[in-house]
Amino acid sequence: MRRPTERRAYLAARQLAHHRERLPWMRERMEENERLLRERLEESGERRLVLSGGIAVARAEDGRVIVGRLPIAENRYEQLELDAIGTTQDTPKEGDPDERRT
């Protein structure tokens, strides 16, 4: 680690003050987002969901929400294959009248 110069100390203090000023707002926003995701999980009836953009949301044992990113496909062929699998799973059932309307 480099020697803590006066300038580096000033920048660190300024950044820390900035983050501490915004911490209450960030906590409030995080609680709102967690509440929204918990409601989405409850509506779906699933324990884990994968949202667009490769974001995985899951319910923890303690009731909190766990959020993470799924790995990105390394090449386009793999991505096309994943898209095809997702499309196959999303095809409507022929007997479901709600799905035939689209």
C-alpha atoms as a PDB file:
ATOM      1  CA  MET A   1       0.000   0.000   0.000  1.00  0.00           C
ATOM      2  CA  ARG A   2       1.232   3.452  -0.851  1.00  0.00           C
ATOM      3  CA  ARG A   3       2.209   5.981   1.773  1.00  0.00           C
ATOM      4  CA  PRO A   4      -0.835   7.964   3.030  1.00  0.00           C
ATOM      5  CA  THR A   5      -0.162  11.457   1.698  1.00  0.00           C
ATOM      6  CA  GLU A   6      -2.097  14.552   2.718  1.00  0.00           C
ATOM      7  CA  ARG A   7      -3.966  14.492  -0.593  1.00  0.00           C
ATOM      8  CA  ARG A   8      -4.935  10.811  -0.296  1.00  0.00           C
ATOM      9  CA  ALA A   9      -6.111  11.387   3.287  1.00  0.00           C
ATOM     10  CA  TYR A  10      -8.209  14.356   2.157  1.00  0.00           C
ATOM     11  CA  LEU A  11      -9.803  12.356  -0.666  1.00  0.00           C
ATOM     12  CA  ALA A  12     -10.539   9.410   1.626  1.00  0.00           C
ATOM     13  CA  ALA A  13     -12.134  11.692   4.244  1.00  0.00           C
ATOM     14  CA  ARG A  14     -14.210  13.488   1.623  1.00  0.00           C
ATOM     15  CA  GLN A  15     -15.461  10.211   0.147  1.00  0.00           C
ATOM     16  CA  LEU A  16     -16.256   8.772   3.575  1.00  0.00           C
ATOM     17  CA  ALA A  17     -18.220  11.904   4.548  1.00  0.00           C
ATOM     18  CA  HIS A  18     -20.103  11.744   1.249  1.00  0.00           C
ATOM     19  CA  HIS A  19     -21.072   8.095   1.784  1.00  0.00           C
ATOM     20  CA  ARG A  20     -22.103   8.645   5.401  1.00  0.00           C
ATOM     21  CA  GLU A  21     -24.362  11.542   4.370  1.00  0.00           C
ATOM     22  CA  ARG A  22     -26.151   9.310   1.879  1.00  0.00           C
ATOM     23  CA  LEU A  23     -26.269   6.165   3.998  1.00  0.00           C
ATOM     24  CA  PRO A  24     -29.768   6.772   5.450  1.00  0.00           C
ATOM     25  CA  TRP A  25     -31.213   7.314   1.964  1.00  0.00           C
ATOM     26  CA  MET A  26     -29.443   4.221   0.637  1.00  0.00           C
ATOM     27  CA  ARG A  27     -30.732   2.075   3.510  1.00  0.00           C
ATOM     28  CA  GLU A  28     -34.274   3.289   2.918  1.00  0.00           C
ATOM     29  CA  ARG A  29     -34.014   2.585  -0.809  1.00  0.00           C
ATOM     30  CA  MET A  30     -32.541  -0.879  -0.194  1.00  0.00           C
ATOM     31  CA  GLU A  31     -35.417  -1.720   2.178  1.00  0.00           C
ATOM     32  CA  GLU A  32     -37.952  -0.622  -0.461  1.00  0.00           C
ATOM     33  CA  ASN A  33     -36.249  -2.740  -3.124  1.00  0.00           C
ATOM     34  CA  GLU A  34     -36.067  -5.756  -0.819  1.00  0.00           C
ATOM     35  CA  ARG A  35     -39.765  -5.401   0.022  1.00  0.00           C
ATOM     36  CA  LEU A  36     -40.673  -5.212  -3.678  1.00  0.00           C
ATOM     37  CA  LEU A  37     -38.599  -8.310  -4.498  1.00  0.00           C
ATOM     38  CA  ARG A  38     -40.060 -10.227  -1.545  1.00  0.00           C
ATOM     39  CA  GLU A  39     -43.572  -9.422  -2.809  1.00  0.00           C
ATOM     40  CA  ARG A  40     -42.619 -10.579  -6.321  1.00  0.00           C
ATOM     41  CA  LEU A  41     -41.317 -13.871  -4.929  1.00  0.00           C
ATOM     42  CA  GLU A  42     -44.479 -14.362  -2.872  1.00  0.00           C
ATOM     43  CA  GLU A  43     -46.725 -13.647  -5.887  1.00  0.00           C
ATOM     44  CA  SER A  44     -44.835 -16.160  -8.016  1.00  0.00           C
ATOM     45  CA  GLY A  45     -44.975 -18.851  -5.330  1.00  0.00           C
ATOM     46  CA  GLU A  46     -41.364 -19.719  -6.155  1.00  0.00           C
ATOM     47  CA  ARG A  47     -38.385 -19.691  -3.852  1.00  0.00           C
ATOM     48  CA  ARG A  48     -36.072 -18.465  -6.646  1.00  0.00           C
ATOM     49  CA  LEU A  49     -36.637 -16.316  -9.748  1.00  0.00           C
ATOM     50  CA  VAL A  50     -34.414 -15.308 -12.621  1.00  0.00           C
ATOM     51  CA  LEU A  51     -35.245 -11.826 -13.861  1.00  0.00           C
ATOM     52  CA  SER A  52     -34.285 -10.266 -17.164  1.00  0.00           C
ATOM     53  CA  GLY A  53     -30.645  -9.307 -17.378  1.00  0.00           C
ATOM     54  CA  GLY A  54     -29.559 -12.502 -15.618  1.00  0.00           C
ATOM     55  CA  ILE A  55     -30.444 -11.282 -12.119  1.00  0.00           C
ATOM     56  CA  ALA A  56     -31.315 -14.124  -9.739  1.00  0.00           C
ATOM     57  CA  VAL A  57     -33.516 -13.406  -6.710  1.00  0.00           C
ATOM     58  CA  ALA A  58     -34.052 -15.919  -3.930  1.00  0.00           C
ATOM     59  CA  ARG A  59     -35.650 -16.067  -0.513  1.00  0.00           C
ATOM     60  CA  ALA A  60     -33.227 -16.805   2.344  1.00  0.00           C
ATOM     61  CA  GLU A  61     -34.111 -18.981   5.335  1.00  0.00           C
ATOM     62  CA  ASP A  62     -34.410 -15.878   7.539  1.00  0.00           C
ATOM     63  CA  GLY A  63     -36.918 -14.258   5.137  1.00  0.00           C
ATOM     64  CA  ARG A  64     -34.460 -11.795   3.617  1.00  0.00           C
ATOM     65  CA  VAL A  65     -33.894 -11.509  -0.120  1.00  0.00           C
ATOM     66  CA  ILE A  66     -30.696 -12.676  -1.806  1.00  0.00           C
ATOM     67  CA  VAL A  67     -29.792 -11.062  -5.133  1.00  0.00           C
ATOM     68  CA  GLY A  68     -27.010 -12.102  -7.497  1.00  0.00           C
ATOM     69  CA  ARG A  69     -25.998 -12.108 -11.135  1.00  0.00           C
ATOM     70  CA  LEU A  70     -25.887 -15.302 -13.139  1.00  0.00           C
ATOM     71  CA  PRO A  71     -22.752 -15.925 -15.177  1.00  0.00           C
ATOM     72  CA  ILE A  72     -22.802 -14.484 -18.684  1.00  0.00           C
ATOM     73  CA  ALA A  73     -22.446 -16.898 -21.591  1.00  0.00           C
ATOM     74  CA  GLU A  74     -18.899 -16.965 -22.921  1.00  0.00           C
ATOM     75  CA  ASN A  75     -19.853 -17.019 -26.588  1.00  0.00           C
ATOM     76  CA  ARG A  76     -22.821 -16.188 -28.781  1.00  0.00           C
ATOM     77  CA  TYR A  77     -23.633 -19.820 -29.596  1.00  0.00           C
ATOM     78  CA  GLU A  78     -23.994 -20.603 -25.895  1.00  0.00           C
ATOM     79  CA  GLN A  79     -26.252 -17.555 -25.466  1.00  0.00           C
ATOM     80  CA  LEU A  80     -28.431 -18.632 -28.404  1.00  0.00           C
ATOM     81  CA  GLU A  81     -28.672 -22.106 -26.912  1.00  0.00           C
ATOM     82  CA  LEU A  82     -29.760 -20.649 -23.552  1.00  0.00           C
ATOM     83  CA  ASP A  83     -32.305 -18.418 -25.311  1.00  0.00           C
ATOM     84  CA  ALA A  84     -33.704 -21.426 -27.178  1.00  0.00           C
ATOM     85  CA  ILE A  85     -34.054 -23.380 -23.942  1.00  0.00           C
ATOM     86  CA  GLY A  86     -35.824 -20.419 -22.315  1.00  0.00           C
ATOM     87  CA  THR A  87     -38.134 -20.009 -25.311  1.00  0.00           C
ATOM     88  CA  THR A  88     -38.989 -23.708 -25.298  1.00  0.00           C
ATOM     89  CA  GLN A  89     -39.883 -23.517 -21.612  1.00  0.00           C
ATOM     90  CA  ASP A  90     -41.991 -20.393 -22.184  1.00  0.00           C
ATOM     91  CA  THR A  91     -44.168 -21.782 -25.003  1.00  0.00           C
ATOM     92  CA  PRO A  92     -47.865 -21.734 -24.084  1.00  0.00           C
ATOM     93  CA  LYS A  93     -49.801 -24.919 -23.563  1.00  0.00           C
ATOM     94  CA  GLU A  94     -52.297 -25.585 -26.338  1.00  0.00           C
ATOM     95  CA  GLY A  95     -55.162 -26.165 -23.910  1.00  0.00           C
ATOM     96  CA  ASP A  96     -54.694 -22.914 -21.979  1.00  0.00           C
ATOM     97  CA  PRO A  97     -57.241 -20.372 -23.353  1.00  0.00           C
ATOM     98  CA  ASP A  98     -55.456 -17.406 -21.725  1.00  0.00           C
ATOM     99  CA  GLU A  99     -52.255 -18.178 -23.587  1.00  0.00           C
ATOM    100  CA  ARG A 100     -53.954 -18.636 -26.996  1.00  0.00           C
ATOM    101  CA  ARG A 101     -55.180 -15.039 -27.056  1.00  0.00           C
ATOM    102  CA  THR A 102     -51.691 -13.617 -27.618  1.00  0.00           C
END
